[in-house]
């Protein structure tokens, strides 16, 4: 299930942002027993580098990512740590 979630997150972010770098890590095992984990939601760490973030502030970038993952945020993702940069910032 975990690797399926990672693959689904990667697919949605690749489609939305055509990143030059994308790394999605499942950190759910670090939160075993946490309320969100008990409800079935996972904890994920996302590093994404995309030209799509050019001219956007960090909050805008996070909103863009949350929007791309909207359906998963309701069912599969409890927590998401995001590092979103442009190629020039990376």
PDB file of N, CA and C in Angstrom:
ATOM      1  N   UNK A   1       0.833  -1.203   0.000  1.00  0.00           N
ATOM      2  CA  UNK A   1       0.000   0.000   0.000  1.00  0.00           C
ATOM      3  C   UNK A   1       0.865   1.249   0.000  1.00  0.00           C
ATOM      4  N   UNK A   2       1.899   1.262   0.816  1.00  0.00           N
ATOM      5  CA  UNK A   2       2.757   2.438   0.935  1.00  0.00           C
ATOM      6  C   UNK A   2       3.399   2.810  -0.398  1.00  0.00           C
ATOM      7  N   UNK A   3       3.980   1.816  -1.074  1.00  0.00           N
ATOM      8  CA  UNK A   3       4.635   2.125  -2.345  1.00  0.00           C
ATOM      9  C   UNK A   3       3.607   2.553  -3.395  1.00  0.00           C
ATOM     10  N   UNK A   4       2.384   2.042  -3.293  1.00  0.00           N
ATOM     11  CA  UNK A   4       1.329   2.462  -4.212  1.00  0.00           C
ATOM     12  C   UNK A   4       0.973   3.927  -3.982  1.00  0.00           C
ATOM     13  N   UNK A   5       0.942   4.340  -2.731  1.00  0.00           N
ATOM     14  CA  UNK A   5       0.662   5.743  -2.419  1.00  0.00           C
ATOM     15  C   UNK A   5       1.772   6.644  -2.935  1.00  0.00           C
ATOM     16  N   UNK A   6       3.021   6.236  -2.725  1.00  0.00           N
ATOM     17  CA  UNK A   6       4.157   7.020  -3.217  1.00  0.00           C
ATOM     18  C   UNK A   6       4.071   7.153  -4.729  1.00  0.00           C
ATOM     19  N   UNK A   7       3.782   6.057  -5.414  1.00  0.00           N
ATOM     20  CA  UNK A   7       3.676   6.095  -6.878  1.00  0.00           C
ATOM     21  C   UNK A   7       2.529   6.997  -7.332  1.00  0.00           C
ATOM     22  N   UNK A   8       1.420   6.963  -6.618  1.00  0.00           N
ATOM     23  CA  UNK A   8       0.279   7.813  -6.971  1.00  0.00           C
ATOM     24  C   UNK A   8       0.623   9.289  -6.759  1.00  0.00           C
ATOM     25  N   UNK A   9       1.303   9.601  -5.662  1.00  0.00           N
ATOM     26  CA  UNK A   9       1.727  10.981  -5.404  1.00  0.00           C
ATOM     27  C   UNK A   9       2.680  11.437  -6.500  1.00  0.00           C
ATOM     28  N   UNK A  10       3.656  10.602  -6.827  1.00  0.00           N
ATOM     29  CA  UNK A  10       4.618  10.937  -7.879  1.00  0.00           C
ATOM     30  C   UNK A  10       3.912  11.175  -9.213  1.00  0.00           C
ATOM     31  N   UNK A  11       2.965  10.331  -9.551  1.00  0.00           N
ATOM     32  CA  UNK A  11       2.245  10.466 -10.829  1.00  0.00           C
ATOM     33  C   UNK A  11       1.492  11.792 -10.892  1.00  0.00           C
ATOM     34  N   UNK A  12       0.799  12.142  -9.813  1.00  0.00           N
ATOM     35  CA  UNK A  12       0.036  13.391  -9.795  1.00  0.00           C
ATOM     36  C   UNK A  12       0.953  14.609  -9.876  1.00  0.00           C
ATOM     37  N   UNK A  13       2.072  14.573  -9.154  1.00  0.00           N
ATOM     38  CA  UNK A  13       2.992  15.718  -9.163  1.00  0.00           C
ATOM     39  C   UNK A  13       3.738  15.819 -10.490  1.00  0.00           C
ATOM     40  N   UNK A  14       4.102  14.687 -11.087  1.00  0.00           N
ATOM     41  CA  UNK A  14       4.734  14.707 -12.411  1.00  0.00           C
ATOM     42  C   UNK A  14       3.794  15.307 -13.442  1.00  0.00           C
ATOM     43  N   UNK A  15       2.540  14.914 -13.380  1.00  0.00           N
ATOM     44  CA  UNK A  15       1.552  15.414 -14.334  1.00  0.00           C
ATOM     45  C   UNK A  15       1.321  16.919 -14.164  1.00  0.00           C
ATOM     46  N   UNK A  16       1.241  17.361 -12.934  1.00  0.00           N
ATOM     47  CA  UNK A  16       0.916  18.766 -12.666  1.00  0.00           C
ATOM     48  C   UNK A  16       2.091  19.714 -12.866  1.00  0.00           C
ATOM     49  N   UNK A  17       3.318  19.249 -12.591  1.00  0.00           N
ATOM     50  CA  UNK A  17       4.441  20.185 -12.536  1.00  0.00           C
ATOM     51  C   UNK A  17       5.622  19.858 -13.445  1.00  0.00           C
ATOM     52  N   UNK A  18       5.650  18.722 -14.089  1.00  0.00           N
ATOM     53  CA  UNK A  18       6.793  18.313 -14.914  1.00  0.00           C
ATOM     54  C   UNK A  18       8.115  18.662 -14.218  1.00  0.00           C
ATOM     55  N   UNK A  19       8.324  18.137 -13.030  1.00  0.00           N
ATOM     56  CA  UNK A  19       9.507  18.526 -12.258  1.00  0.00           C
ATOM     57  C   UNK A  19      10.809  18.015 -12.866  1.00  0.00           C
ATOM     58  N   UNK A  20      11.876  18.762 -12.610  1.00  0.00           N
ATOM     59  CA  UNK A  20      13.210  18.300 -13.009  1.00  0.00           C
ATOM     60  C   UNK A  20      13.785  17.401 -11.915  1.00  0.00           C
ATOM     61  N   UNK A  21      13.218  17.491 -10.718  1.00  0.00           N
ATOM     62  CA  UNK A  21      13.580  16.600  -9.616  1.00  0.00           C
ATOM     63  C   UNK A  21      12.334  16.368  -8.772  1.00  0.00           C
ATOM     64  N   UNK A  22      12.131  15.119  -8.395  1.00  0.00           N
ATOM     65  CA  UNK A  22      11.010  14.774  -7.530  1.00  0.00           C
ATOM     66  C   UNK A  22      11.416  13.601  -6.653  1.00  0.00           C
ATOM     67  N   UNK A  23      11.269  13.786  -5.359  1.00  0.00           N
ATOM     68  CA  UNK A  23      11.558  12.726  -4.407  1.00  0.00           C
ATOM     69  C   UNK A  23      10.420  12.688  -3.396  1.00  0.00           C
ATOM     70  N   UNK A  24       9.762  11.544  -3.314  1.00  0.00           N
ATOM     71  CA  UNK A  24       8.662  11.355  -2.373  1.00  0.00           C
ATOM     72  C   UNK A  24       9.062  10.223  -1.438  1.00  0.00           C
ATOM     73  N   UNK A  25       9.080  10.520  -0.148  1.00  0.00           N
ATOM     74  CA  UNK A  25       9.430   9.512   0.854  1.00  0.00           C
ATOM     75  C   UNK A  25       8.231   9.277   1.762  1.00  0.00           C
ATOM     76  N   UNK A  26       7.960   8.012   2.015  1.00  0.00           N
ATOM     77  CA  UNK A  26       6.913   7.642   2.966  1.00  0.00           C
ATOM     78  C   UNK A  26       7.538   7.640   4.358  1.00  0.00           C
ATOM     79  N   UNK A  27       7.073   8.519   5.214  1.00  0.00           N
ATOM     80  CA  UNK A  27       7.583   8.642   6.576  1.00  0.00           C
ATOM     81  C   UNK A  27       6.569   8.107   7.594  1.00  0.00           C
ATOM     82  N   UNK A  28       5.586   7.367   7.130  1.00  0.00           N
ATOM     83  CA  UNK A  28       4.506   6.897   7.992  1.00  0.00           C
ATOM     84  C   UNK A  28       5.008   6.050   9.152  1.00  0.00           C
ATOM     85  N   UNK A  29       6.053   5.270   8.919  1.00  0.00           N
ATOM     86  CA  UNK A  29       6.571   4.404   9.972  1.00  0.00           C
ATOM     87  C   UNK A  29       7.088   5.201  11.173  1.00  0.00           C
ATOM     88  N   UNK A  30       7.440   6.455  10.954  1.00  0.00           N
ATOM     89  CA  UNK A  30       7.917   7.305  12.041  1.00  0.00           C
ATOM     90  C   UNK A  30       6.772   7.836  12.898  1.00  0.00           C
ATOM     91  N   UNK A  31       5.557   7.632  12.440  1.00  0.00           N
ATOM     92  CA  UNK A  31       4.386   8.186  13.118  1.00  0.00           C
ATOM     93  C   UNK A  31       3.396   7.096  13.528  1.00  0.00           C
ATOM     94  N   UNK A  32       3.891   5.878  13.688  1.00  0.00           N
ATOM     95  CA  UNK A  32       3.019   4.774  14.092  1.00  0.00           C
ATOM     96  C   UNK A  32       2.334   5.120  15.413  1.00  0.00           C
ATOM     97  N   UNK A  33       1.055   4.877  15.473  1.00  0.00           N
ATOM     98  CA  UNK A  33       0.293   5.187  16.672  1.00  0.00           C
ATOM     99  C   UNK A  33      -0.288   6.589  16.678  1.00  0.00           C
ATOM    100  N   UNK A  34       0.168   7.435  15.773  1.00  0.00           N
ATOM    101  CA  UNK A  34      -0.352   8.792  15.648  1.00  0.00           C
ATOM    102  C   UNK A  34      -1.791   8.726  15.159  1.00  0.00           C
ATOM    103  N   UNK A  35      -2.602   9.666  15.577  1.00  0.00           N
ATOM    104  CA  UNK A  35      -4.033   9.664  15.236  1.00  0.00           C
ATOM    105  C   UNK A  35      -4.275   9.526  13.737  1.00  0.00           C
ATOM    106  N   UNK A  36      -3.546  10.298  12.941  1.00  0.00           N
ATOM    107  CA  UNK A  36      -3.723  10.242  11.491  1.00  0.00           C
ATOM    108  C   UNK A  36      -3.344   8.892  10.921  1.00  0.00           C
ATOM    109  N   UNK A  37      -2.310   8.281  11.489  1.00  0.00           N
ATOM    110  CA  UNK A  37      -1.889   6.959  11.028  1.00  0.00           C
ATOM    111  C   UNK A  37      -2.957   5.927  11.357  1.00  0.00           C
ATOM    112  N   UNK A  38      -3.588   6.053  12.502  1.00  0.00           N
ATOM    113  CA  UNK A  38      -4.632   5.117  12.897  1.00  0.00           C
ATOM    114  C   UNK A  38      -5.845   5.220  11.970  1.00  0.00           C
ATOM    115  N   UNK A  39      -6.069   6.398  11.436  1.00  0.00           N
ATOM    116  CA  UNK A  39      -7.197   6.609  10.528  1.00  0.00           C
ATOM    117  C   UNK A  39      -6.861   6.170   9.102  1.00  0.00           C
ATOM    118  N   UNK A  40      -5.603   5.762   8.861  1.00  0.00           N
ATOM    119  CA  UNK A  40      -5.220   5.261   7.546  1.00  0.00           C
ATOM    120  C   UNK A  40      -4.447   6.238   6.694  1.00  0.00           C
ATOM    121  N   UNK A  41      -4.314   7.481   7.128  1.00  0.00           N
ATOM    122  CA  UNK A  41      -3.570   8.461   6.353  1.00  0.00           C
ATOM    123  C   UNK A  41      -2.084   8.341   6.593  1.00  0.00           C
ATOM    124  N   UNK A  42      -1.304   8.544   5.543  1.00  0.00           N
ATOM    125  CA  UNK A  42       0.139   8.431   5.643  1.00  0.00           C
ATOM    126  C   UNK A  42       0.817   9.777   5.819  1.00  0.00           C
ATOM    127  N   UNK A  43       2.081   9.716   6.229  1.00  0.00           N
ATOM    128  CA  UNK A  43       2.932  10.899   6.377  1.00  0.00           C
ATOM    129  C   UNK A  43       3.986  10.833   5.273  1.00  0.00           C
ATOM    130  N   UNK A  44       4.083  11.894   4.486  1.00  0.00           N
ATOM    131  CA  UNK A  44       4.988  11.881   3.345  1.00  0.00           C
ATOM    132  C   UNK A  44       5.858  13.130   3.324  1.00  0.00           C
ATOM    133  N   UNK A  45       7.048  12.963   2.775  1.00  0.00           N
ATOM    134  CA  UNK A  45       8.025  14.036   2.619  1.00  0.00           C
ATOM    135  C   UNK A  45       8.232  14.214   1.116  1.00  0.00           C
ATOM    136  N   UNK A  46       7.994  15.423   0.607  1.00  0.00           N
ATOM    137  CA  UNK A  46       8.102  15.693  -0.831  1.00  0.00           C
ATOM    138  C   UNK A  46       9.151  16.772  -1.085  1.00  0.00           C
ATOM    139  N   UNK A  47      10.095  16.440  -1.952  1.00  0.00           N
ATOM    140  CA  UNK A  47      11.039  17.425  -2.470  1.00  0.00           C
ATOM    141  C   UNK A  47      10.765  17.511  -3.959  1.00  0.00           C
ATOM    142  N   UNK A  48      10.456  18.713  -4.426  1.00  0.00           N
ATOM    143  CA  UNK A  48      10.108  18.893  -5.836  1.00  0.00           C
ATOM    144  C   UNK A  48      10.766  20.157  -6.362  1.00  0.00           C
ATOM    145  N   UNK A  49      11.356  20.042  -7.543  1.00  0.00           N
ATOM    146  CA  UNK A  49      11.995  21.169  -8.217  1.00  0.00           C
ATOM    147  C   UNK A  49      11.319  21.311  -9.572  1.00  0.00           C
ATOM    148  N   UNK A  50      10.702  22.463  -9.793  1.00  0.00           N
ATOM    149  CA  UNK A  50       9.955  22.664 -11.034  1.00  0.00           C
ATOM    150  C   UNK A  50       9.948  24.134 -11.436  1.00  0.00           C
ATOM    151  N   UNK A  51       9.998  24.356 -12.716  1.00  0.00           N
ATOM    152  CA  UNK A  51       9.887  25.716 -13.252  1.00  0.00           C
ATOM    153  C   UNK A  51       8.504  26.299 -12.975  1.00  0.00           C
ATOM    154  N   UNK A  52       7.531  25.438 -12.731  1.00  0.00           N
ATOM    155  CA  UNK A  52       6.160  25.888 -12.456  1.00  0.00           C
ATOM    156  C   UNK A  52       6.086  26.773 -11.219  1.00  0.00           C
ATOM    157  N   UNK A  53       7.080  26.702 -10.341  1.00  0.00           N
ATOM    158  CA  UNK A  53       7.077  27.496  -9.113  1.00  0.00           C
ATOM    159  C   UNK A  53       7.727  28.862  -9.282  1.00  0.00           C
ATOM    160  N   UNK A  54       8.237  29.133 -10.472  1.00  0.00           N
ATOM    161  CA  UNK A  54       8.900  30.414 -10.723  1.00  0.00           C
ATOM    162  C   UNK A  54       7.931  31.566 -10.473  1.00  0.00           C
ATOM    163  N   UNK A  55       8.343  32.511  -9.662  1.00  0.00           N
ATOM    164  CA  UNK A  55       7.524  33.675  -9.363  1.00  0.00           C
ATOM    165  C   UNK A  55       6.492  33.446  -8.267  1.00  0.00           C
ATOM    166  N   UNK A  56       6.462  32.247  -7.700  1.00  0.00           N
ATOM    167  CA  UNK A  56       5.496  31.927  -6.646  1.00  0.00           C
ATOM    168  C   UNK A  56       6.172  31.956  -5.278  1.00  0.00           C
ATOM    169  N   UNK A  57       5.446  32.449  -4.316  1.00  0.00           N
ATOM    170  CA  UNK A  57       5.929  32.419  -2.935  1.00  0.00           C
ATOM    171  C   UNK A  57       5.732  31.024  -2.368  1.00  0.00           C
ATOM    172  N   UNK A  58       6.425  30.711  -1.265  1.00  0.00           N
ATOM    173  CA  UNK A  58       6.313  29.363  -0.691  1.00  0.00           C
ATOM    174  C   UNK A  58       4.872  28.933  -0.413  1.00  0.00           C
ATOM    175  N   UNK A  59       4.045  29.803   0.133  1.00  0.00           N
ATOM    176  CA  UNK A  59       2.664  29.432   0.419  1.00  0.00           C
ATOM    177  C   UNK A  59       1.905  29.087  -0.863  1.00  0.00           C
ATOM    178  N   UNK A  60       2.154  29.837  -1.930  1.00  0.00           N
ATOM    179  CA  UNK A  60       1.511  29.551  -3.210  1.00  0.00           C
ATOM    180  C   UNK A  60       1.939  28.176  -3.728  1.00  0.00           C
ATOM    181  N   UNK A  61       3.210  27.864  -3.583  1.00  0.00           N
ATOM    182  CA  UNK A  61       3.726  26.568  -4.041  1.00  0.00           C
ATOM    183  C   UNK A  61       3.056  25.426  -3.281  1.00  0.00           C
ATOM    184  N   UNK A  62       2.935  25.602  -1.969  1.00  0.00           N
ATOM    185  CA  UNK A  62       2.287  24.571  -1.161  1.00  0.00           C
ATOM    186  C   UNK A  62       0.833  24.400  -1.574  1.00  0.00           C
ATOM    187  N   UNK A  63       0.163  25.496  -1.813  1.00  0.00           N
ATOM    188  CA  UNK A  63      -1.241  25.414  -2.253  1.00  0.00           C
ATOM    189  C   UNK A  63      -1.364  24.703  -3.591  1.00  0.00           C
ATOM    190  N   UNK A  64      -0.422  24.953  -4.497  1.00  0.00           N
ATOM    191  CA  UNK A  64      -0.430  24.293  -5.797  1.00  0.00           C
ATOM    192  C   UNK A  64      -0.279  22.776  -5.632  1.00  0.00           C
ATOM    193  N   UNK A  65       0.614  22.384  -4.738  1.00  0.00           N
ATOM    194  CA  UNK A  65       0.845  20.962  -4.496  1.00  0.00           C
ATOM    195  C   UNK A  65      -0.379  20.332  -3.827  1.00  0.00           C
ATOM    196  N   UNK A  66      -0.932  21.010  -2.819  1.00  0.00           N
ATOM    197  CA  UNK A  66      -2.142  20.497  -2.175  1.00  0.00           C
ATOM    198  C   UNK A  66      -3.275  20.355  -3.186  1.00  0.00           C
ATOM    199  N   UNK A  67      -3.381  21.281  -4.100  1.00  0.00           N
ATOM    200  CA  UNK A  67      -4.417  21.211  -5.123  1.00  0.00           C
ATOM    201  C   UNK A  67      -4.205  20.001  -6.038  1.00  0.00           C
ATOM    202  N   UNK A  68      -2.962  19.764  -6.427  1.00  0.00           N
ATOM    203  CA  UNK A  68      -2.654  18.623  -7.300  1.00  0.00           C
ATOM    204  C   UNK A  68      -2.934  17.294  -6.606  1.00  0.00           C
ATOM    205  N   UNK A  69      -2.799  17.275  -5.287  1.00  0.00           N
ATOM    206  CA  UNK A  69      -2.994  16.050  -4.515  1.00  0.00           C
ATOM    207  C   UNK A  69      -4.336  16.016  -3.783  1.00  0.00           C
ATOM    208  N   UNK A  70      -5.227  16.907  -4.159  1.00  0.00           N
ATOM    209  CA  UNK A  70      -6.476  17.117  -3.424  1.00  0.00           C
ATOM    210  C   UNK A  70      -7.231  15.829  -3.085  1.00  0.00           C
ATOM    211  N   UNK A  71      -7.437  14.974  -4.051  1.00  0.00           N
ATOM    212  CA  UNK A  71      -8.212  13.757  -3.784  1.00  0.00           C
ATOM    213  C   UNK A  71      -7.499  12.839  -2.792  1.00  0.00           C
ATOM    214  N   UNK A  72      -6.178  12.806  -2.844  1.00  0.00           N
ATOM    215  CA  UNK A  72      -5.417  11.963  -1.915  1.00  0.00           C
ATOM    216  C   UNK A  72      -5.356  12.565  -0.517  1.00  0.00           C
ATOM    217  N   UNK A  73      -5.472  13.888  -0.428  1.00  0.00           N
ATOM    218  CA  UNK A  73      -5.427  14.550   0.874  1.00  0.00           C
ATOM    219  C   UNK A  73      -6.630  14.144   1.721  1.00  0.00           C
ATOM    220  N   UNK A  74      -7.693  13.768   1.078  1.00  0.00           N
ATOM    221  CA  UNK A  74      -8.909  13.385   1.791  1.00  0.00           C
ATOM    222  C   UNK A  74      -8.878  11.936   2.269  1.00  0.00           C
ATOM    223  N   UNK A  75      -8.030  11.101   1.647  1.00  0.00           N
ATOM    224  CA  UNK A  75      -8.077   9.680   1.951  1.00  0.00           C
ATOM    225  C   UNK A  75      -6.726   9.073   2.321  1.00  0.00           C
ATOM    226  N   UNK A  76      -5.681   9.396   1.597  1.00  0.00           N
ATOM    227  CA  UNK A  76      -4.404   8.698   1.725  1.00  0.00           C
ATOM    228  C   UNK A  76      -3.313   9.471   2.458  1.00  0.00           C
ATOM    229  N   UNK A  77      -3.433  10.775   2.505  1.00  0.00           N
ATOM    230  CA  UNK A  77      -2.372  11.603   3.083  1.00  0.00           C
ATOM    231  C   UNK A  77      -2.893  12.307   4.329  1.00  0.00           C
ATOM    232  N   UNK A  78      -2.215  12.072   5.434  1.00  0.00           N
ATOM    233  CA  UNK A  78      -2.544  12.784   6.674  1.00  0.00           C
ATOM    234  C   UNK A  78      -1.622  13.990   6.850  1.00  0.00           C
ATOM    235  N   UNK A  79      -0.340  13.811   6.533  1.00  0.00           N
ATOM    236  CA  UNK A  79       0.635  14.890   6.703  1.00  0.00           C
ATOM    237  C   UNK A  79       1.575  14.906   5.512  1.00  0.00           C
ATOM    238  N   UNK A  80       1.968  16.109   5.127  1.00  0.00           N
ATOM    239  CA  UNK A  80       2.817  16.291   3.961  1.00  0.00           C
ATOM    240  C   UNK A  80       3.849  17.360   4.262  1.00  0.00           C
ATOM    241  N   UNK A  81       5.109  16.970   4.230  1.00  0.00           N
ATOM    242  CA  UNK A  81       6.204  17.935   4.379  1.00  0.00           C
ATOM    243  C   UNK A  81       6.675  18.269   2.971  1.00  0.00           C
ATOM    244  N   UNK A  82       6.721  19.560   2.652  1.00  0.00           N
ATOM    245  CA  UNK A  82       6.995  19.981   1.281  1.00  0.00           C
ATOM    246  C   UNK A  82       8.228  20.877   1.227  1.00  0.00           C
ATOM    247  N   UNK A  83       9.114  20.546   0.279  1.00  0.00           N
ATOM    248  CA  UNK A  83      10.209  21.427  -0.096  1.00  0.00           C
ATOM    249  C   UNK A  83      10.059  21.637  -1.598  1.00  0.00           C
ATOM    250  N   UNK A  84       9.587  22.818  -1.983  1.00  0.00           N
ATOM    251  CA  UNK A  84       9.312  23.116  -3.392  1.00  0.00           C
ATOM    252  C   UNK A  84      10.197  24.267  -3.831  1.00  0.00           C
ATOM    253  N   UNK A  85      10.981  24.037  -4.868  1.00  0.00           N
ATOM    254  CA  UNK A  85      11.946  25.027  -5.351  1.00  0.00           C
ATOM    255  C   UNK A  85      11.885  25.134  -6.865  1.00  0.00           C
ATOM    256  N   UNK A  86      12.405  26.223  -7.374  1.00  0.00           N
ATOM    257  CA  UNK A  86      12.603  26.359  -8.821  1.00  0.00           C
ATOM    258  C   UNK A  86      13.969  25.782  -9.149  1.00  0.00           C
ATOM    259  N   UNK A  87      14.229  25.499 -10.425  1.00  0.00           N
ATOM    260  CA  UNK A  87      15.564  25.009 -10.783  1.00  0.00           C
ATOM    261  C   UNK A  87      16.682  25.985 -10.383  1.00  0.00           C
ATOM    262  N   UNK A  88      16.433  27.277 -10.476  1.00  0.00           N
ATOM    263  CA  UNK A  88      17.449  28.260 -10.100  1.00  0.00           C
ATOM    264  C   UNK A  88      17.729  28.235  -8.601  1.00  0.00           C
ATOM    265  N   UNK A  89      16.737  27.936  -7.786  1.00  0.00           N
ATOM    266  CA  UNK A  89      16.908  27.871  -6.339  1.00  0.00           C
ATOM    267  C   UNK A  89      17.583  26.582  -5.904  1.00  0.00           C
ATOM    268  N   UNK A  90      17.456  25.562  -6.717  1.00  0.00           N
ATOM    269  CA  UNK A  90      18.005  24.255  -6.379  1.00  0.00           C
ATOM    270  C   UNK A  90      19.469  24.291  -6.694  1.00  0.00           C
TER     271      UNK A  90
END
